[in-house]
Amino acid sequence: MKEIIFASHNKGKIAEIRQILAPLSIKVISADEINLPDVEETGTTFEENAALKALTIAKLKKVPCLADDSGLCVDVLGGRPGVYSARYAPNRDFAKAMQMLLSEMAETKSANRDAHFSCVIVLGYPNGKYEKFEGRVDGQIIFEPRGKSGFGFDPIFEPNGYDKTFAELGSEVKNKISHRAKALEKFVAFLKEKGL
């Protein structure tokens, strides 16, 4: 596989995927580069949303297409924001979303800070079939945002085994341990197994 359409307009995700797939010489074409429409995420699971995006674009472009859905799941909030992570605050304002999430956690009066990021990557085919690849990274929600790199909730998520947030670790480390990296590892293993 020399190139793949990635059905996303999220610049952070696109940069991550390009960096992770670069050693394989797979060119990642973003939705913006070929003027693809936004596909509304109407699913209730990460898999449903990723499949919806991948299959919509695969059928439209008549080639296999990659898409993902991912999010932060906080234990004390019953797994929220989950599939609504990108839409947790108005206008996808993650500074506001982080403050909202920290406030909600404080209101629970719980000492539990456990959370995880989940990612489901789907390789969709024009015939409506798809393959899915899942990744997860467990960690803790810290009390105040720290760090400048990354995107989304990265400044408040500290992965287990580290004393820095995703935003402090930088892309080189994050892209080796993240939920998306783990899902992409499975995608790459699939490509190698199939000889693609």
N, C-alpha and C. Protein backbone atom coordinates (compact mmCIF):
# COMPACT_ATOMS: atom_id res chain seq x y z
N MET A 1 0.86 -1.18 0.00
CA MET A 1 0.00 0.00 0.00
C MET A 1 0.90 1.23 0.00
N LYS A 2 0.77 2.04 -1.02
CA LYS A 2 1.63 3.22 -1.16
C LYS A 2 0.98 4.49 -0.63
N GLU A 3 -0.35 4.55 -0.71
CA GLU A 3 -1.05 5.72 -0.19
C GLU A 3 -2.43 5.31 0.31
N ILE A 4 -2.95 6.13 1.21
CA ILE A 4 -4.26 5.86 1.79
C ILE A 4 -4.95 7.18 2.09
N ILE A 5 -6.24 7.24 1.82
CA ILE A 5 -7.03 8.41 2.21
C ILE A 5 -7.38 8.24 3.68
N PHE A 6 -7.14 9.29 4.45
CA PHE A 6 -7.54 9.30 5.85
C PHE A 6 -8.69 10.28 5.97
N ALA A 7 -9.88 9.78 6.26
CA ALA A 7 -11.11 10.58 6.27
C ALA A 7 -11.19 11.43 7.53
N SER A 8 -10.37 12.46 7.57
CA SER A 8 -10.38 13.37 8.72
C SER A 8 -9.93 14.75 8.29
N HIS A 9 -10.49 15.74 8.97
CA HIS A 9 -10.06 17.12 8.81
C HIS A 9 -9.26 17.57 10.03
N ASN A 10 -9.07 16.66 11.01
CA ASN A 10 -8.38 16.98 12.26
C ASN A 10 -6.87 16.99 12.02
N LYS A 11 -6.29 18.18 12.02
CA LYS A 11 -4.87 18.34 11.71
C LYS A 11 -3.96 17.59 12.69
N GLY A 12 -4.36 17.53 13.95
CA GLY A 12 -3.58 16.80 14.95
C GLY A 12 -3.53 15.31 14.66
N LYS A 13 -4.68 14.74 14.35
CA LYS A 13 -4.73 13.31 14.02
C LYS A 13 -3.94 13.01 12.75
N ILE A 14 -4.10 13.87 11.75
CA ILE A 14 -3.41 13.67 10.48
C ILE A 14 -1.89 13.69 10.69
N ALA A 15 -1.41 14.66 11.46
CA ALA A 15 0.03 14.75 11.73
C ALA A 15 0.53 13.50 12.46
N GLU A 16 -0.23 13.03 13.44
CA GLU A 16 0.14 11.82 14.18
C GLU A 16 0.22 10.62 13.26
N ILE A 17 -0.80 10.42 12.45
CA ILE A 17 -0.85 9.26 11.57
C ILE A 17 0.27 9.32 10.54
N ARG A 18 0.53 10.50 10.00
CA ARG A 18 1.63 10.63 9.04
C ARG A 18 2.96 10.27 9.69
N GLN A 19 3.18 10.75 10.89
CA GLN A 19 4.44 10.48 11.57
C GLN A 19 4.59 8.98 11.87
N ILE A 20 3.52 8.35 12.31
CA ILE A 20 3.58 6.93 12.66
C ILE A 20 3.76 6.05 11.42
N LEU A 21 3.12 6.41 10.31
CA LEU A 21 3.20 5.60 9.09
C LEU A 21 4.38 5.96 8.19
N ALA A 22 5.07 7.06 8.48
CA ALA A 22 6.19 7.52 7.64
C ALA A 22 7.26 6.45 7.40
N PRO A 23 7.66 5.69 8.42
CA PRO A 23 8.70 4.67 8.17
C PRO A 23 8.29 3.61 7.14
N LEU A 24 7.00 3.47 6.90
CA LEU A 24 6.51 2.49 5.93
C LEU A 24 6.34 3.08 4.54
N SER A 25 6.65 4.36 4.40
CA SER A 25 6.50 5.07 3.12
C SER A 25 5.08 5.03 2.59
N ILE A 26 4.12 5.11 3.51
CA ILE A 26 2.71 5.20 3.12
C ILE A 26 2.32 6.67 3.13
N LYS A 27 1.90 7.18 1.99
CA LYS A 27 1.47 8.57 1.90
C LYS A 27 0.03 8.67 2.41
N VAL A 28 -0.18 9.53 3.39
CA VAL A 28 -1.51 9.74 3.97
C VAL A 28 -2.11 10.98 3.33
N ILE A 29 -3.25 10.81 2.68
CA ILE A 29 -3.95 11.91 2.03
C ILE A 29 -5.11 12.32 2.93
N SER A 30 -5.11 13.56 3.36
CA SER A 30 -6.16 14.02 4.28
C SER A 30 -7.43 14.41 3.52
N ALA A 31 -8.51 14.48 4.25
CA ALA A 31 -9.80 14.88 3.67
C ALA A 31 -9.72 16.28 3.08
N ASP A 32 -8.98 17.17 3.74
CA ASP A 32 -8.84 18.54 3.23
C ASP A 32 -8.14 18.58 1.87
N GLU A 33 -7.13 17.74 1.70
CA GLU A 33 -6.33 17.77 0.47
C GLU A 33 -7.14 17.42 -0.77
N ILE A 34 -8.19 16.64 -0.60
CA ILE A 34 -9.00 16.25 -1.76
C ILE A 34 -10.46 16.70 -1.61
N ASN A 35 -10.65 17.72 -0.79
CA ASN A 35 -11.96 18.36 -0.63
C ASN A 35 -13.09 17.39 -0.30
N LEU A 36 -12.83 16.51 0.66
CA LEU A 36 -13.88 15.58 1.08
C LEU A 36 -14.82 16.26 2.06
N PRO A 37 -16.08 15.86 2.04
CA PRO A 37 -17.04 16.43 2.99
C PRO A 37 -16.80 15.89 4.40
N ASP A 38 -17.26 16.63 5.38
CA ASP A 38 -17.30 16.12 6.75
C ASP A 38 -18.38 15.05 6.80
N VAL A 39 -18.10 13.97 7.48
CA VAL A 39 -19.10 12.92 7.68
C VAL A 39 -19.56 13.05 9.12
N GLU A 40 -20.85 13.28 9.30
CA GLU A 40 -21.38 13.46 10.64
C GLU A 40 -21.28 12.17 11.44
N GLU A 41 -20.75 12.30 12.65
CA GLU A 41 -20.60 11.14 13.54
C GLU A 41 -21.90 10.92 14.29
N THR A 42 -22.70 9.98 13.80
CA THR A 42 -24.00 9.72 14.42
C THR A 42 -24.01 8.41 15.21
N GLY A 43 -22.88 7.71 15.23
CA GLY A 43 -22.80 6.44 15.95
C GLY A 43 -22.73 6.64 17.45
N THR A 44 -22.93 5.56 18.17
CA THR A 44 -22.86 5.61 19.64
C THR A 44 -21.61 4.92 20.17
N THR A 45 -20.78 4.38 19.26
CA THR A 45 -19.52 3.77 19.66
C THR A 45 -18.41 4.31 18.75
N PHE A 46 -17.17 4.14 19.20
CA PHE A 46 -16.03 4.55 18.37
C PHE A 46 -16.03 3.78 17.06
N GLU A 47 -16.32 2.48 17.13
CA GLU A 47 -16.33 1.66 15.91
C GLU A 47 -17.39 2.14 14.93
N GLU A 48 -18.59 2.42 15.41
CA GLU A 48 -19.66 2.88 14.51
C GLU A 48 -19.26 4.17 13.80
N ASN A 49 -18.70 5.12 14.53
CA ASN A 49 -18.32 6.40 13.92
C ASN A 49 -17.17 6.23 12.93
N ALA A 50 -16.15 5.44 13.29
CA ALA A 50 -15.02 5.23 12.38
C ALA A 50 -15.48 4.51 11.12
N ALA A 51 -16.34 3.50 11.27
CA ALA A 51 -16.85 2.76 10.11
C ALA A 51 -17.69 3.66 9.22
N LEU A 52 -18.52 4.48 9.83
CA LEU A 52 -19.37 5.41 9.06
C LEU A 52 -18.51 6.32 8.18
N LYS A 53 -17.46 6.89 8.77
CA LYS A 53 -16.59 7.80 8.01
C LYS A 53 -15.82 7.05 6.92
N ALA A 54 -15.20 5.92 7.28
CA ALA A 54 -14.39 5.18 6.32
C ALA A 54 -15.22 4.67 5.15
N LEU A 55 -16.39 4.11 5.45
CA LEU A 55 -17.22 3.53 4.38
C LEU A 55 -17.84 4.61 3.50
N THR A 56 -18.24 5.72 4.09
CA THR A 56 -18.82 6.81 3.30
C THR A 56 -17.81 7.30 2.26
N ILE A 57 -16.58 7.53 2.71
CA ILE A 57 -15.55 8.06 1.80
C ILE A 57 -15.06 6.97 0.84
N ALA A 58 -14.95 5.73 1.30
CA ALA A 58 -14.54 4.62 0.41
C ALA A 58 -15.52 4.47 -0.75
N LYS A 59 -16.80 4.55 -0.45
CA LYS A 59 -17.82 4.43 -1.50
C LYS A 59 -17.78 5.64 -2.44
N LEU A 60 -17.57 6.82 -1.86
CA LEU A 60 -17.52 8.05 -2.65
C LEU A 60 -16.32 8.06 -3.60
N LYS A 61 -15.13 7.66 -3.09
CA LYS A 61 -13.90 7.72 -3.88
C LYS A 61 -13.59 6.40 -4.60
N LYS A 62 -14.34 5.34 -4.26
CA LYS A 62 -14.17 4.02 -4.88
C LYS A 62 -12.78 3.42 -4.64
N VAL A 63 -12.21 3.71 -3.48
CA VAL A 63 -10.93 3.12 -3.05
C VAL A 63 -11.02 2.87 -1.54
N PRO A 64 -10.20 1.95 -1.00
CA PRO A 64 -10.19 1.77 0.45
C PRO A 64 -9.84 3.07 1.16
N CYS A 65 -10.39 3.24 2.32
CA CYS A 65 -10.22 4.49 3.06
C CYS A 65 -10.04 4.18 4.54
N LEU A 66 -9.21 4.98 5.19
CA LEU A 66 -8.94 4.83 6.62
C LEU A 66 -9.65 5.95 7.37
N ALA A 67 -10.21 5.61 8.52
CA ALA A 67 -10.83 6.63 9.39
C ALA A 67 -10.66 6.17 10.82
N ASP A 68 -10.75 7.11 11.72
CA ASP A 68 -10.70 6.72 13.13
C ASP A 68 -11.73 7.50 13.91
N ASP A 69 -12.08 6.95 15.04
CA ASP A 69 -12.79 7.70 16.06
C ASP A 69 -12.11 7.35 17.36
N SER A 70 -11.94 8.35 18.16
CA SER A 70 -11.22 8.15 19.41
C SER A 70 -11.73 9.14 20.43
N GLY A 71 -11.39 8.88 21.67
CA GLY A 71 -11.82 9.80 22.70
C GLY A 71 -11.30 9.42 24.07
N LEU A 72 -11.55 10.31 24.98
CA LEU A 72 -11.16 10.16 26.37
C LEU A 72 -12.34 9.61 27.16
N CYS A 73 -12.09 8.56 27.93
CA CYS A 73 -13.14 7.94 28.75
C CYS A 73 -12.70 8.02 30.21
N VAL A 74 -13.47 8.75 31.01
CA VAL A 74 -13.13 8.98 32.41
C VAL A 74 -14.01 8.10 33.29
N ASP A 75 -13.37 7.27 34.11
CA ASP A 75 -14.10 6.29 34.92
C ASP A 75 -15.18 6.93 35.79
N VAL A 76 -14.80 7.97 36.56
CA VAL A 76 -15.73 8.57 37.52
C VAL A 76 -16.91 9.27 36.82
N LEU A 77 -16.76 9.53 35.52
CA LEU A 77 -17.84 10.15 34.75
C LEU A 77 -18.59 9.12 33.91
N GLY A 78 -18.45 7.85 34.27
CA GLY A 78 -19.17 6.80 33.55
C GLY A 78 -18.71 6.62 32.12
N GLY A 79 -17.44 6.95 31.85
CA GLY A 79 -16.90 6.79 30.51
C GLY A 79 -17.01 8.02 29.62
N ARG A 80 -17.63 9.07 30.15
CA ARG A 80 -17.71 10.30 29.36
C ARG A 80 -16.35 11.00 29.38
N PRO A 81 -16.08 11.83 28.40
CA PRO A 81 -16.88 12.22 27.25
C PRO A 81 -16.98 11.17 26.15
N GLY A 82 -16.08 10.19 26.11
CA GLY A 82 -16.21 9.09 25.16
C GLY A 82 -16.34 9.54 23.72
N VAL A 83 -17.37 9.02 23.02
CA VAL A 83 -17.53 9.35 21.60
C VAL A 83 -17.85 10.83 21.38
N TYR A 84 -18.17 11.54 22.44
CA TYR A 84 -18.47 12.97 22.31
C TYR A 84 -17.27 13.85 22.65
N SER A 85 -16.08 13.27 22.76
CA SER A 85 -14.89 14.02 23.17
C SER A 85 -14.66 15.27 22.32
N ALA A 86 -14.74 15.14 21.01
CA ALA A 86 -14.48 16.30 20.14
C ALA A 86 -15.58 17.35 20.23
N ARG A 87 -16.75 16.93 20.66
CA ARG A 87 -17.89 17.85 20.74
C ARG A 87 -18.29 18.15 22.18
N TYR A 88 -17.38 17.92 23.10
CA TYR A 88 -17.68 18.08 24.53
C TYR A 88 -17.96 19.54 24.89
N ALA A 89 -17.26 20.44 24.25
CA ALA A 89 -17.48 21.88 24.47
C ALA A 89 -17.90 22.50 23.14
N PRO A 90 -18.64 23.60 23.20
CA PRO A 90 -19.04 24.27 21.96
C PRO A 90 -17.84 24.64 21.10
N ASN A 91 -18.00 24.54 19.80
CA ASN A 91 -16.98 24.94 18.83
C ASN A 91 -15.66 24.18 18.96
N ARG A 92 -15.72 22.98 19.53
CA ARG A 92 -14.52 22.14 19.69
C ARG A 92 -13.40 22.90 20.41
N ASP A 93 -13.79 23.67 21.40
CA ASP A 93 -12.86 24.46 22.20
C ASP A 93 -12.31 23.57 23.31
N PHE A 94 -11.11 23.01 23.10
CA PHE A 94 -10.58 22.04 24.06
C PHE A 94 -10.10 22.68 25.35
N ALA A 95 -9.73 23.95 25.34
CA ALA A 95 -9.39 24.62 26.61
C ALA A 95 -10.63 24.63 27.50
N LYS A 96 -11.76 24.97 26.90
CA LYS A 96 -13.03 24.97 27.65
C LYS A 96 -13.43 23.54 28.03
N ALA A 97 -13.25 22.61 27.10
CA ALA A 97 -13.62 21.21 27.36
C ALA A 97 -12.83 20.65 28.55
N MET A 98 -11.54 20.98 28.61
CA MET A 98 -10.73 20.49 29.74
C MET A 98 -11.22 21.07 31.06
N GLN A 99 -11.55 22.35 31.07
CA GLN A 99 -12.06 22.97 32.30
C GLN A 99 -13.41 22.38 32.69
N MET A 100 -14.27 22.14 31.71
CA MET A 100 -15.57 21.52 31.99
C MET A 100 -15.38 20.13 32.61
N LEU A 101 -14.48 19.35 32.01
CA LEU A 101 -14.24 18.00 32.49
C LEU A 101 -13.66 18.02 33.91
N LEU A 102 -12.69 18.88 34.15
CA LEU A 102 -12.09 18.98 35.49
C LEU A 102 -13.13 19.42 36.52
N SER A 103 -14.01 20.33 36.14
CA SER A 103 -15.08 20.78 37.05
C SER A 103 -16.05 19.64 37.35
N GLU A 104 -16.44 18.90 36.32
CA GLU A 104 -17.35 17.76 36.53
C GLU A 104 -16.72 16.73 37.45
N MET A 105 -15.43 16.48 37.26
CA MET A 105 -14.76 15.50 38.12
C MET A 105 -14.71 16.00 39.56
N ALA A 106 -14.46 17.29 39.76
CA ALA A 106 -14.41 17.86 41.11
C ALA A 106 -15.77 17.73 41.80
N GLU A 107 -16.84 17.92 41.03
CA GLU A 107 -18.19 17.83 41.59
C GLU A 107 -18.52 16.43 42.11
N THR A 108 -17.86 15.40 41.59
CA THR A 108 -18.15 14.03 42.04
C THR A 108 -17.58 13.77 43.43
N LYS A 109 -16.62 14.60 43.86
CA LYS A 109 -15.94 14.43 45.16
C LYS A 109 -15.17 13.11 45.24
N SER A 110 -14.95 12.46 44.12
CA SER A 110 -14.23 11.19 44.10
C SER A 110 -12.74 11.43 43.95
N ALA A 111 -11.95 10.57 44.58
CA ALA A 111 -10.49 10.63 44.43
C ALA A 111 -10.04 9.86 43.18
N ASN A 112 -10.95 9.16 42.54
CA ASN A 112 -10.63 8.35 41.37
C ASN A 112 -10.32 9.26 40.17
N ARG A 113 -9.10 9.18 39.65
CA ARG A 113 -8.68 9.98 38.50
C ARG A 113 -8.45 9.09 37.27
N ASP A 114 -8.82 7.81 37.36
CA ASP A 114 -8.55 6.86 36.28
C ASP A 114 -9.31 7.23 35.01
N ALA A 115 -8.61 7.07 33.89
CA ALA A 115 -9.19 7.36 32.58
C ALA A 115 -8.42 6.57 31.53
N HIS A 116 -8.95 6.53 30.35
CA HIS A 116 -8.21 5.94 29.23
C HIS A 116 -8.62 6.62 27.93
N PHE A 117 -7.69 6.62 27.00
CA PHE A 117 -7.99 7.03 25.64
C PHE A 117 -8.23 5.76 24.83
N SER A 118 -9.28 5.76 24.04
CA SER A 118 -9.58 4.65 23.12
C SER A 118 -9.54 5.16 21.70
N CYS A 119 -9.12 4.29 20.81
CA CYS A 119 -9.11 4.62 19.38
C CYS A 119 -9.53 3.39 18.60
N VAL A 120 -10.42 3.58 17.66
CA VAL A 120 -10.75 2.53 16.70
C VAL A 120 -10.46 3.09 15.32
N ILE A 121 -9.58 2.40 14.62
CA ILE A 121 -9.26 2.76 13.24
C ILE A 121 -9.95 1.73 12.35
N VAL A 122 -10.59 2.22 11.31
CA VAL A 122 -11.30 1.35 10.37
C VAL A 122 -10.73 1.54 8.98
N LEU A 123 -10.45 0.42 8.32
CA LEU A 123 -10.11 0.42 6.91
C LEU A 123 -11.37 -0.02 6.18
N GLY A 124 -12.01 0.93 5.52
CA GLY A 124 -13.28 0.67 4.84
C GLY A 124 -13.08 0.43 3.36
N TYR A 125 -13.86 -0.48 2.82
CA TYR A 125 -13.80 -0.82 1.40
C TYR A 125 -15.06 -0.32 0.69
N PRO A 126 -14.95 -0.03 -0.61
CA PRO A 126 -16.12 0.45 -1.35
C PRO A 126 -17.30 -0.52 -1.34
N ASN A 127 -17.05 -1.82 -1.10
CA ASN A 127 -18.13 -2.81 -1.09
C ASN A 127 -18.90 -2.85 0.23
N GLY A 128 -18.53 -1.98 1.18
CA GLY A 128 -19.25 -1.90 2.45
C GLY A 128 -18.65 -2.72 3.57
N LYS A 129 -17.62 -3.50 3.28
CA LYS A 129 -16.95 -4.28 4.33
C LYS A 129 -15.84 -3.44 4.94
N TYR A 130 -15.43 -3.84 6.15
CA TYR A 130 -14.33 -3.11 6.78
C TYR A 130 -13.57 -3.98 7.76
N GLU A 131 -12.35 -3.54 8.05
CA GLU A 131 -11.50 -4.14 9.08
C GLU A 131 -11.36 -3.09 10.17
N LYS A 132 -11.30 -3.55 11.44
CA LYS A 132 -11.13 -2.58 12.53
C LYS A 132 -9.90 -2.93 13.35
N PHE A 133 -9.29 -1.88 13.91
CA PHE A 133 -8.07 -2.00 14.69
C PHE A 133 -8.23 -1.10 15.91
N GLU A 134 -8.12 -1.69 17.10
CA GLU A 134 -8.38 -0.94 18.33
C GLU A 134 -7.11 -0.72 19.14
N GLY A 135 -7.05 0.43 19.79
CA GLY A 135 -5.95 0.74 20.70
C GLY A 135 -6.47 1.46 21.93
N ARG A 136 -5.75 1.26 23.03
CA ARG A 136 -6.17 1.89 24.29
C ARG A 136 -4.92 2.19 25.10
N VAL A 137 -4.95 3.31 25.79
CA VAL A 137 -3.89 3.64 26.74
C VAL A 137 -4.55 4.13 28.03
N ASP A 138 -4.14 3.53 29.14
CA ASP A 138 -4.70 3.87 30.45
C ASP A 138 -3.85 4.94 31.12
N GLY A 139 -4.48 5.71 31.99
CA GLY A 139 -3.76 6.75 32.70
C GLY A 139 -4.63 7.44 33.73
N GLN A 140 -4.23 8.67 34.05
CA GLN A 140 -4.90 9.47 35.07
C GLN A 140 -5.18 10.86 34.50
N ILE A 141 -6.24 11.47 35.01
CA ILE A 141 -6.52 12.88 34.71
C ILE A 141 -5.85 13.70 35.81
N ILE A 142 -5.00 14.64 35.41
CA ILE A 142 -4.34 15.48 36.40
C ILE A 142 -5.24 16.67 36.73
N PHE A 143 -4.84 17.48 37.70
CA PHE A 143 -5.71 18.55 38.19
C PHE A 143 -5.66 19.84 37.37
N GLU A 144 -4.55 20.10 36.70
CA GLU A 144 -4.40 21.30 35.88
C GLU A 144 -3.69 20.94 34.58
N PRO A 145 -4.05 21.55 33.46
CA PRO A 145 -3.37 21.26 32.19
C PRO A 145 -1.87 21.56 32.28
N ARG A 146 -1.07 20.67 31.65
CA ARG A 146 0.38 20.86 31.57
C ARG A 146 0.86 20.46 30.18
N GLY A 147 1.75 21.26 29.62
CA GLY A 147 2.37 20.93 28.34
C GLY A 147 1.76 21.68 27.17
N LYS A 148 2.55 21.76 26.11
CA LYS A 148 2.15 22.55 24.94
C LYS A 148 1.98 21.74 23.66
N SER A 149 2.49 20.51 23.62
CA SER A 149 2.37 19.76 22.36
C SER A 149 1.09 18.93 22.37
N GLY A 150 0.85 18.27 21.24
CA GLY A 150 -0.35 17.45 21.14
C GLY A 150 -1.59 18.28 20.86
N PHE A 151 -2.74 17.70 21.16
CA PHE A 151 -4.01 18.37 20.90
C PHE A 151 -5.08 17.76 21.78
N GLY A 152 -6.26 18.32 21.74
CA GLY A 152 -7.38 17.77 22.51
C GLY A 152 -7.13 17.77 24.00
N PHE A 153 -7.37 16.63 24.63
CA PHE A 153 -7.23 16.50 26.08
C PHE A 153 -5.81 16.13 26.51
N ASP A 154 -4.85 16.14 25.60
CA ASP A 154 -3.47 15.75 25.92
C ASP A 154 -2.89 16.45 27.15
N PRO A 155 -3.17 17.75 27.39
CA PRO A 155 -2.57 18.43 28.54
C PRO A 155 -3.07 17.97 29.92
N ILE A 156 -4.16 17.19 29.97
CA ILE A 156 -4.64 16.74 31.29
C ILE A 156 -4.57 15.23 31.45
N PHE A 157 -4.00 14.53 30.46
CA PHE A 157 -3.91 13.06 30.53
C PHE A 157 -2.47 12.63 30.73
N GLU A 158 -2.24 11.93 31.83
CA GLU A 158 -0.91 11.39 32.15
C GLU A 158 -0.98 9.87 32.02
N PRO A 159 -0.32 9.30 31.00
CA PRO A 159 -0.40 7.85 30.81
C PRO A 159 0.31 7.10 31.95
N ASN A 160 -0.22 5.93 32.28
CA ASN A 160 0.39 5.11 33.33
C ASN A 160 1.85 4.83 32.98
N GLY A 161 2.71 4.93 34.01
CA GLY A 161 4.13 4.68 33.82
C GLY A 161 4.93 5.92 33.48
N TYR A 162 4.26 7.06 33.39
CA TYR A 162 4.92 8.33 33.06
C TYR A 162 4.51 9.38 34.08
N ASP A 163 5.38 10.36 34.29
CA ASP A 163 5.04 11.46 35.19
C ASP A 163 4.83 12.75 34.41
N LYS A 164 4.55 12.61 33.12
CA LYS A 164 4.28 13.75 32.25
C LYS A 164 2.99 13.47 31.48
N THR A 165 2.31 14.54 31.09
CA THR A 165 1.11 14.40 30.27
C THR A 165 1.52 14.12 28.82
N PHE A 166 0.54 13.70 28.03
CA PHE A 166 0.80 13.54 26.60
C PHE A 166 1.35 14.83 26.01
N ALA A 167 0.84 15.97 26.46
CA ALA A 167 1.27 17.27 25.93
C ALA A 167 2.70 17.61 26.34
N GLU A 168 3.19 17.02 27.42
CA GLU A 168 4.57 17.24 27.86
C GLU A 168 5.54 16.23 27.24
N LEU A 169 5.05 15.06 26.92
CA LEU A 169 5.92 14.00 26.40
C LEU A 169 6.43 14.31 25.00
N GLY A 170 5.66 15.06 24.23
CA GLY A 170 6.05 15.36 22.86
C GLY A 170 5.63 14.24 21.91
N SER A 171 5.59 14.56 20.64
CA SER A 171 5.05 13.63 19.65
C SER A 171 5.89 12.37 19.50
N GLU A 172 7.19 12.46 19.65
CA GLU A 172 8.03 11.28 19.45
C GLU A 172 7.67 10.17 20.44
N VAL A 173 7.50 10.53 21.72
CA VAL A 173 7.13 9.54 22.73
C VAL A 173 5.65 9.19 22.60
N LYS A 174 4.80 10.20 22.49
CA LYS A 174 3.36 9.94 22.42
C LYS A 174 3.02 9.00 21.27
N ASN A 175 3.67 9.21 20.13
CA ASN A 175 3.35 8.41 18.95
C ASN A 175 3.87 6.98 19.02
N LYS A 176 4.55 6.64 20.11
CA LYS A 176 4.97 5.26 20.34
C LYS A 176 4.03 4.55 21.32
N ILE A 177 3.36 5.33 22.19
CA ILE A 177 2.60 4.71 23.28
C ILE A 177 1.10 5.00 23.25
N SER A 178 0.67 5.88 22.37
CA SER A 178 -0.73 6.33 22.40
C SER A 178 -1.71 5.26 21.91
N HIS A 179 -2.96 5.51 22.19
CA HIS A 179 -4.06 4.67 21.72
C HIS A 179 -4.07 4.57 20.20
N ARG A 180 -3.81 5.69 19.53
CA ARG A 180 -3.79 5.71 18.07
C ARG A 180 -2.59 4.91 17.55
N ALA A 181 -1.44 5.05 18.21
CA ALA A 181 -0.25 4.29 17.81
C ALA A 181 -0.51 2.79 17.94
N LYS A 182 -1.18 2.39 19.02
CA LYS A 182 -1.47 0.97 19.23
C LYS A 182 -2.44 0.44 18.17
N ALA A 183 -3.44 1.24 17.81
CA ALA A 183 -4.37 0.83 16.76
C ALA A 183 -3.65 0.76 15.41
N LEU A 184 -2.78 1.73 15.15
CA LEU A 184 -2.04 1.74 13.88
C LEU A 184 -1.05 0.59 13.79
N GLU A 185 -0.48 0.18 14.92
CA GLU A 185 0.41 -1.00 14.93
C GLU A 185 -0.36 -2.22 14.42
N LYS A 186 -1.60 -2.36 14.85
CA LYS A 186 -2.42 -3.48 14.41
C LYS A 186 -2.76 -3.35 12.92
N PHE A 187 -3.01 -2.13 12.46
CA PHE A 187 -3.27 -1.87 11.04
C PHE A 187 -2.05 -2.26 10.21
N VAL A 188 -0.87 -1.85 10.65
CA VAL A 188 0.37 -2.16 9.93
C VAL A 188 0.61 -3.68 9.91
N ALA A 189 0.36 -4.35 11.03
CA ALA A 189 0.51 -5.81 11.07
C ALA A 189 -0.44 -6.47 10.08
N PHE A 190 -1.65 -5.93 9.97
CA PHE A 190 -2.63 -6.44 9.01
C PHE A 190 -2.12 -6.27 7.58
N LEU A 191 -1.58 -5.09 7.26
CA LEU A 191 -1.05 -4.84 5.92
C LEU A 191 0.07 -5.83 5.59
N LYS A 192 0.96 -6.05 6.55
CA LYS A 192 2.08 -6.98 6.33
C LYS A 192 1.58 -8.41 6.14
N GLU A 193 0.61 -8.80 6.96
CA GLU A 193 0.04 -10.15 6.87
C GLU A 193 -0.61 -10.38 5.51
N LYS A 194 -1.27 -9.34 4.99
CA LYS A 194 -1.97 -9.46 3.70
C LYS A 194 -1.05 -9.16 2.51
N GLY A 195 0.19 -8.75 2.80
CA GLY A 195 1.14 -8.44 1.73
C GLY A 195 0.79 -7.17 0.97
N LEU A 196 0.15 -6.24 1.66
CA LEU A 196 -0.26 -4.98 1.01
C LEU A 196 0.79 -3.90 1.16
